[in-house]
Amino acid sequence: MSTISFAPTFEIRPARTAQAPAGQLRLTRRGRLVVFLGAVLVAFALAIVIMGGSSASTEAGGTPTATERIVVAPGQTLWDIAAAHSEGDVRTTIDAIEKLNALDSVMLHAGQELFIPVD
C-alpha cells in the first residue's frame, strides 16, 4: 500500500468585499427596487393630490330643480309615481327621480321618502 499526500499550492484568502469609495452610496438590487417603488408611490400620491384639487364645478351657480317630497305607499312602483308626476315621457321622469334620489335600482320600499322633480 502506498500513501499519497497532497500539499496545497495556493493561498486561501478571505473574499473581497466591495467597498464604495468614500462619499458614495452603492445600492443592492433590493435597495434599487425599494427606491424605485418609493418614487412611484410618491408620484402616485402627488397625482392624487393634484387631480383631487380640480373640480368640474363652475363659479356660476345653476338654478336648483324644483322638487316635491313624497312618501312611497305600499304597492306603489317607481313607474306609478313617475306616471302621476310626468307630463311627457315616463322613462325620462324615472331617470330624473333616480338621479335626484341617488337610487341604485328601481326597487322602492313602503315609507321611503323620494324627491320628485316638479315641471
N, C-alpha and C. Protein backbone atom coordinates (compact mmCIF):
# COMPACT_ATOMS: atom_id res chain seq x y z
N MET A 1 0.82 -1.17 0.00
CA MET A 1 0.00 0.00 0.00
C MET A 1 0.87 1.24 0.00
N SER A 2 0.34 2.17 -0.75
CA SER A 2 1.11 3.39 -0.81
C SER A 2 0.28 4.54 -0.24
N THR A 3 0.94 5.54 0.20
CA THR A 3 0.27 6.70 0.77
C THR A 3 0.54 7.90 -0.12
N ILE A 4 -0.53 8.64 -0.39
CA ILE A 4 -0.38 9.85 -1.19
C ILE A 4 -0.71 11.03 -0.28
N SER A 5 0.09 12.01 -0.31
CA SER A 5 -0.20 13.22 0.46
C SER A 5 -0.23 14.41 -0.49
N PHE A 6 -1.13 15.27 -0.25
CA PHE A 6 -1.28 16.47 -1.07
C PHE A 6 -0.87 17.69 -0.27
N ALA A 7 -0.14 18.53 -0.91
CA ALA A 7 0.26 19.78 -0.28
C ALA A 7 -0.38 20.91 -1.08
N PRO A 8 -1.20 21.75 -0.46
CA PRO A 8 -1.83 22.83 -1.21
C PRO A 8 -0.79 23.80 -1.73
N THR A 9 -0.97 24.19 -2.98
CA THR A 9 -0.03 25.11 -3.58
C THR A 9 -0.64 26.50 -3.77
N PHE A 10 -1.81 26.74 -3.23
CA PHE A 10 -2.45 28.04 -3.37
C PHE A 10 -2.73 28.61 -1.99
N GLU A 11 -2.94 29.89 -1.99
CA GLU A 11 -3.17 30.61 -0.75
C GLU A 11 -4.67 30.83 -0.55
N ILE A 12 -5.18 30.60 0.60
CA ILE A 12 -6.59 30.86 0.90
C ILE A 12 -6.67 32.24 1.53
N ARG A 13 -7.38 33.12 0.81
CA ARG A 13 -7.55 34.49 1.30
C ARG A 13 -9.03 34.76 1.54
N PRO A 14 -9.35 35.64 2.46
CA PRO A 14 -10.76 35.98 2.66
C PRO A 14 -11.30 36.67 1.41
N ALA A 15 -12.59 36.48 1.17
CA ALA A 15 -13.24 37.08 -0.01
C ALA A 15 -13.21 38.59 0.09
N ARG A 16 -13.09 39.21 -1.06
CA ARG A 16 -13.09 40.68 -1.09
C ARG A 16 -14.49 41.20 -0.88
N THR A 17 -14.58 42.23 -0.16
CA THR A 17 -15.87 42.92 -0.01
C THR A 17 -15.81 44.18 -0.85
N ALA A 18 -16.86 44.38 -1.62
CA ALA A 18 -16.89 45.56 -2.49
C ALA A 18 -17.14 46.78 -1.64
N GLN A 19 -16.20 47.61 -1.58
CA GLN A 19 -16.32 48.83 -0.81
C GLN A 19 -16.50 50.00 -1.76
N ALA A 20 -17.51 50.81 -1.50
CA ALA A 20 -17.71 52.01 -2.31
C ALA A 20 -16.69 53.04 -1.88
N PRO A 21 -16.21 53.81 -2.83
CA PRO A 21 -15.29 54.88 -2.45
C PRO A 21 -15.95 55.81 -1.43
N ALA A 22 -15.14 56.45 -0.65
CA ALA A 22 -15.67 57.34 0.39
C ALA A 22 -16.59 58.40 -0.21
N GLY A 23 -17.73 58.60 0.39
CA GLY A 23 -18.66 59.63 -0.06
C GLY A 23 -19.65 59.13 -1.10
N GLN A 24 -19.60 57.88 -1.51
CA GLN A 24 -20.54 57.34 -2.49
C GLN A 24 -21.37 56.25 -1.84
N LEU A 25 -22.61 56.09 -2.36
CA LEU A 25 -23.52 55.08 -1.85
C LEU A 25 -23.73 54.04 -2.93
N ARG A 26 -23.61 52.79 -2.59
CA ARG A 26 -23.81 51.73 -3.56
C ARG A 26 -25.00 50.91 -3.12
N LEU A 27 -26.01 50.80 -4.01
CA LEU A 27 -27.23 50.10 -3.66
C LEU A 27 -27.23 48.68 -4.21
N THR A 28 -27.83 47.79 -3.45
CA THR A 28 -28.02 46.43 -3.93
C THR A 28 -29.24 46.39 -4.83
N ARG A 29 -29.51 45.25 -5.39
CA ARG A 29 -30.69 45.10 -6.25
C ARG A 29 -31.97 45.39 -5.45
N ARG A 30 -32.05 44.89 -4.23
CA ARG A 30 -33.22 45.13 -3.40
C ARG A 30 -33.33 46.62 -3.04
N GLY A 31 -32.20 47.25 -2.79
CA GLY A 31 -32.21 48.67 -2.47
C GLY A 31 -32.70 49.52 -3.64
N ARG A 32 -32.26 49.17 -4.87
CA ARG A 32 -32.75 49.89 -6.05
C ARG A 32 -34.24 49.69 -6.23
N LEU A 33 -34.74 48.48 -5.96
CA LEU A 33 -36.18 48.21 -6.06
C LEU A 33 -36.96 49.04 -5.05
N VAL A 34 -36.47 49.13 -3.84
CA VAL A 34 -37.14 49.92 -2.80
C VAL A 34 -37.17 51.40 -3.19
N VAL A 35 -36.06 51.91 -3.71
CA VAL A 35 -36.01 53.32 -4.13
C VAL A 35 -36.98 53.56 -5.28
N PHE A 36 -37.01 52.64 -6.25
CA PHE A 36 -37.92 52.78 -7.39
C PHE A 36 -39.38 52.76 -6.94
N LEU A 37 -39.75 51.79 -6.11
CA LEU A 37 -41.13 51.71 -5.63
C LEU A 37 -41.50 52.93 -4.78
N GLY A 38 -40.57 53.44 -4.02
CA GLY A 38 -40.82 54.66 -3.24
C GLY A 38 -41.09 55.85 -4.15
N ALA A 39 -40.31 55.96 -5.24
CA ALA A 39 -40.51 57.06 -6.19
C ALA A 39 -41.86 56.94 -6.88
N VAL A 40 -42.26 55.72 -7.24
CA VAL A 40 -43.57 55.50 -7.87
C VAL A 40 -44.68 55.87 -6.90
N LEU A 41 -44.54 55.50 -5.64
CA LEU A 41 -45.54 55.82 -4.63
C LEU A 41 -45.67 57.33 -4.43
N VAL A 42 -44.56 58.03 -4.40
CA VAL A 42 -44.58 59.48 -4.24
C VAL A 42 -45.24 60.13 -5.46
N ALA A 43 -44.91 59.66 -6.66
CA ALA A 43 -45.51 60.21 -7.89
C ALA A 43 -47.02 59.96 -7.90
N PHE A 44 -47.44 58.78 -7.46
CA PHE A 44 -48.87 58.46 -7.40
C PHE A 44 -49.58 59.35 -6.39
N ALA A 45 -48.98 59.58 -5.24
CA ALA A 45 -49.59 60.45 -4.22
C ALA A 45 -49.70 61.88 -4.73
N LEU A 46 -48.66 62.36 -5.42
CA LEU A 46 -48.73 63.71 -5.99
C LEU A 46 -49.82 63.82 -7.05
N ALA A 47 -49.97 62.80 -7.86
CA ALA A 47 -51.02 62.81 -8.89
C ALA A 47 -52.40 62.87 -8.25
N ILE A 48 -52.60 62.14 -7.16
CA ILE A 48 -53.89 62.16 -6.46
C ILE A 48 -54.15 63.54 -5.88
N VAL A 49 -53.14 64.14 -5.28
CA VAL A 49 -53.30 65.48 -4.69
C VAL A 49 -53.62 66.50 -5.77
N ILE A 50 -52.91 66.43 -6.89
CA ILE A 50 -53.14 67.40 -7.96
C ILE A 50 -54.50 67.18 -8.61
N MET A 51 -54.85 65.94 -8.90
CA MET A 51 -56.13 65.65 -9.54
C MET A 51 -57.30 65.86 -8.58
N GLY A 52 -57.09 65.63 -7.31
CA GLY A 52 -58.16 65.79 -6.33
C GLY A 52 -58.53 67.25 -6.12
N GLY A 53 -57.60 68.15 -6.40
CA GLY A 53 -57.89 69.57 -6.22
C GLY A 53 -58.71 70.16 -7.34
N SER A 54 -58.76 69.47 -8.47
CA SER A 54 -59.56 70.00 -9.57
C SER A 54 -61.01 69.60 -9.39
N SER A 55 -61.89 70.42 -9.90
CA SER A 55 -63.30 70.11 -9.79
C SER A 55 -64.01 70.54 -11.06
N ALA A 56 -65.12 69.91 -11.31
CA ALA A 56 -65.86 70.20 -12.53
C ALA A 56 -66.89 71.32 -12.31
N SER A 57 -66.95 71.85 -11.13
CA SER A 57 -67.94 72.89 -10.86
C SER A 57 -67.47 74.22 -11.43
N THR A 58 -68.42 75.10 -11.60
CA THR A 58 -68.10 76.42 -12.13
C THR A 58 -68.44 77.48 -11.10
N GLU A 59 -68.00 78.68 -11.35
CA GLU A 59 -68.29 79.79 -10.45
C GLU A 59 -69.78 80.15 -10.51
N ALA A 60 -70.34 80.09 -11.71
CA ALA A 60 -71.74 80.46 -11.88
C ALA A 60 -72.63 79.36 -11.32
N GLY A 61 -73.50 79.73 -10.43
CA GLY A 61 -74.42 78.76 -9.84
C GLY A 61 -75.59 78.49 -10.76
N GLY A 62 -76.01 77.26 -10.80
CA GLY A 62 -77.17 76.90 -11.60
C GLY A 62 -78.44 77.07 -10.79
N THR A 63 -79.54 76.98 -11.43
CA THR A 63 -80.81 77.07 -10.71
C THR A 63 -81.18 75.68 -10.21
N PRO A 64 -81.50 75.56 -8.95
CA PRO A 64 -81.85 74.25 -8.42
C PRO A 64 -83.18 73.77 -9.01
N THR A 65 -83.29 72.46 -9.12
CA THR A 65 -84.52 71.86 -9.64
C THR A 65 -85.60 71.94 -8.57
N ALA A 66 -86.76 72.38 -8.98
CA ALA A 66 -87.90 72.41 -8.05
C ALA A 66 -88.34 70.97 -7.80
N THR A 67 -88.50 70.63 -6.52
CA THR A 67 -88.86 69.25 -6.17
C THR A 67 -90.04 69.22 -5.23
N GLU A 68 -90.63 68.05 -5.17
CA GLU A 68 -91.72 67.78 -4.23
C GLU A 68 -91.35 66.51 -3.50
N ARG A 69 -91.57 66.48 -2.19
CA ARG A 69 -91.23 65.30 -1.40
C ARG A 69 -92.48 64.45 -1.24
N ILE A 70 -92.35 63.15 -1.53
CA ILE A 70 -93.48 62.23 -1.35
C ILE A 70 -93.00 61.04 -0.53
N VAL A 71 -93.96 60.31 0.04
CA VAL A 71 -93.69 59.09 0.77
C VAL A 71 -94.29 57.94 -0.03
N VAL A 72 -93.50 56.91 -0.26
CA VAL A 72 -93.95 55.78 -1.07
C VAL A 72 -94.98 54.98 -0.28
N ALA A 73 -96.13 54.73 -0.92
CA ALA A 73 -97.20 53.93 -0.31
C ALA A 73 -96.95 52.45 -0.60
N PRO A 74 -97.54 51.56 0.20
CA PRO A 74 -97.36 50.12 -0.07
C PRO A 74 -97.89 49.76 -1.46
N GLY A 75 -97.11 48.99 -2.20
CA GLY A 75 -97.51 48.54 -3.52
C GLY A 75 -97.24 49.56 -4.63
N GLN A 76 -96.78 50.72 -4.29
CA GLN A 76 -96.52 51.77 -5.29
C GLN A 76 -95.17 51.52 -5.96
N THR A 77 -95.11 51.67 -7.28
CA THR A 77 -93.87 51.46 -8.02
C THR A 77 -93.32 52.80 -8.50
N LEU A 78 -92.08 52.78 -8.92
CA LEU A 78 -91.46 53.98 -9.45
C LEU A 78 -92.16 54.42 -10.73
N TRP A 79 -92.63 53.45 -11.52
CA TRP A 79 -93.38 53.78 -12.74
C TRP A 79 -94.67 54.51 -12.40
N ASP A 80 -95.39 54.04 -11.36
CA ASP A 80 -96.64 54.70 -10.95
C ASP A 80 -96.38 56.13 -10.50
N ILE A 81 -95.34 56.32 -9.73
CA ILE A 81 -95.01 57.66 -9.23
C ILE A 81 -94.62 58.57 -10.39
N ALA A 82 -93.77 58.07 -11.30
CA ALA A 82 -93.33 58.87 -12.44
C ALA A 82 -94.49 59.19 -13.36
N ALA A 83 -95.40 58.24 -13.57
CA ALA A 83 -96.56 58.48 -14.45
C ALA A 83 -97.49 59.53 -13.86
N ALA A 84 -97.62 59.54 -12.54
CA ALA A 84 -98.50 60.52 -11.90
C ALA A 84 -97.92 61.92 -11.94
N HIS A 85 -96.60 62.04 -12.00
CA HIS A 85 -95.95 63.35 -11.97
C HIS A 85 -95.32 63.75 -13.29
N SER A 86 -95.61 63.00 -14.36
CA SER A 86 -94.99 63.26 -15.65
C SER A 86 -96.01 63.80 -16.63
N GLU A 87 -95.56 64.74 -17.44
CA GLU A 87 -96.42 65.26 -18.50
C GLU A 87 -95.96 64.73 -19.85
N GLY A 88 -94.76 64.17 -19.92
CA GLY A 88 -94.20 63.67 -21.18
C GLY A 88 -93.84 62.20 -21.03
N ASP A 89 -92.63 61.88 -21.39
CA ASP A 89 -92.14 60.51 -21.34
C ASP A 89 -91.91 60.09 -19.89
N VAL A 90 -92.50 58.98 -19.49
CA VAL A 90 -92.40 58.49 -18.12
C VAL A 90 -90.97 58.03 -17.83
N ARG A 91 -90.28 57.45 -18.83
CA ARG A 91 -88.92 56.97 -18.63
C ARG A 91 -87.96 58.11 -18.29
N THR A 92 -88.18 59.28 -18.88
CA THR A 92 -87.34 60.44 -18.58
C THR A 92 -87.55 60.87 -17.13
N THR A 93 -88.79 60.83 -16.68
CA THR A 93 -89.09 61.18 -15.29
C THR A 93 -88.49 60.17 -14.33
N ILE A 94 -88.53 58.88 -14.69
CA ILE A 94 -87.92 57.85 -13.84
C ILE A 94 -86.42 58.10 -13.71
N ASP A 95 -85.75 58.41 -14.83
CA ASP A 95 -84.31 58.71 -14.78
C ASP A 95 -84.02 59.91 -13.88
N ALA A 96 -84.87 60.95 -13.98
CA ALA A 96 -84.67 62.15 -13.15
C ALA A 96 -84.86 61.82 -11.67
N ILE A 97 -85.85 60.98 -11.36
CA ILE A 97 -86.08 60.60 -9.95
C ILE A 97 -84.91 59.77 -9.43
N GLU A 98 -84.40 58.85 -10.25
CA GLU A 98 -83.27 58.03 -9.83
C GLU A 98 -82.04 58.88 -9.56
N LYS A 99 -81.75 59.85 -10.41
CA LYS A 99 -80.59 60.73 -10.22
C LYS A 99 -80.77 61.64 -9.02
N LEU A 100 -81.96 62.18 -8.86
CA LEU A 100 -82.23 63.12 -7.78
C LEU A 100 -82.12 62.45 -6.41
N ASN A 101 -82.51 61.17 -6.33
CA ASN A 101 -82.51 60.46 -5.05
C ASN A 101 -81.34 59.48 -4.92
N ALA A 102 -80.45 59.45 -5.92
CA ALA A 102 -79.29 58.54 -5.93
C ALA A 102 -79.72 57.10 -5.69
N LEU A 103 -80.70 56.65 -6.45
CA LEU A 103 -81.20 55.28 -6.33
C LEU A 103 -80.32 54.35 -7.15
N ASP A 104 -80.01 53.19 -6.57
CA ASP A 104 -79.22 52.18 -7.28
C ASP A 104 -80.11 51.33 -8.19
N SER A 105 -81.36 51.18 -7.82
CA SER A 105 -82.29 50.37 -8.61
C SER A 105 -83.67 51.01 -8.53
N VAL A 106 -84.62 50.41 -9.23
CA VAL A 106 -85.99 50.94 -9.21
C VAL A 106 -86.80 50.33 -8.07
N MET A 107 -86.16 49.56 -7.20
CA MET A 107 -86.84 48.94 -6.07
C MET A 107 -87.16 49.98 -5.00
N LEU A 108 -88.43 50.07 -4.62
CA LEU A 108 -88.86 51.02 -3.59
C LEU A 108 -89.43 50.27 -2.41
N HIS A 109 -89.42 50.91 -1.26
CA HIS A 109 -89.96 50.32 -0.04
C HIS A 109 -91.04 51.25 0.51
N ALA A 110 -92.07 50.66 1.10
CA ALA A 110 -93.15 51.46 1.68
C ALA A 110 -92.59 52.33 2.78
N GLY A 111 -92.94 53.62 2.76
CA GLY A 111 -92.47 54.57 3.76
C GLY A 111 -91.21 55.32 3.33
N GLN A 112 -90.63 54.93 2.21
CA GLN A 112 -89.42 55.59 1.72
C GLN A 112 -89.78 56.98 1.20
N GLU A 113 -88.95 57.97 1.52
CA GLU A 113 -89.18 59.34 1.05
C GLU A 113 -88.41 59.57 -0.25
N LEU A 114 -89.09 60.16 -1.23
CA LEU A 114 -88.48 60.46 -2.51
C LEU A 114 -88.71 61.92 -2.85
N PHE A 115 -87.74 62.49 -3.58
CA PHE A 115 -87.91 63.83 -4.12
C PHE A 115 -88.25 63.68 -5.60
N ILE A 116 -89.33 64.31 -6.00
CA ILE A 116 -89.85 64.23 -7.36
C ILE A 116 -89.66 65.60 -8.03
N PRO A 117 -89.09 65.65 -9.24
CA PRO A 117 -88.97 66.95 -9.91
C PRO A 117 -90.34 67.46 -10.33
N VAL A 118 -90.55 68.74 -10.07
CA VAL A 118 -91.82 69.37 -10.43
C VAL A 118 -91.58 70.18 -11.69
N ASP A 119 -92.43 69.94 -12.73
CA ASP A 119 -92.27 70.66 -14.01
C ASP A 119 -92.79 72.05 -13.95
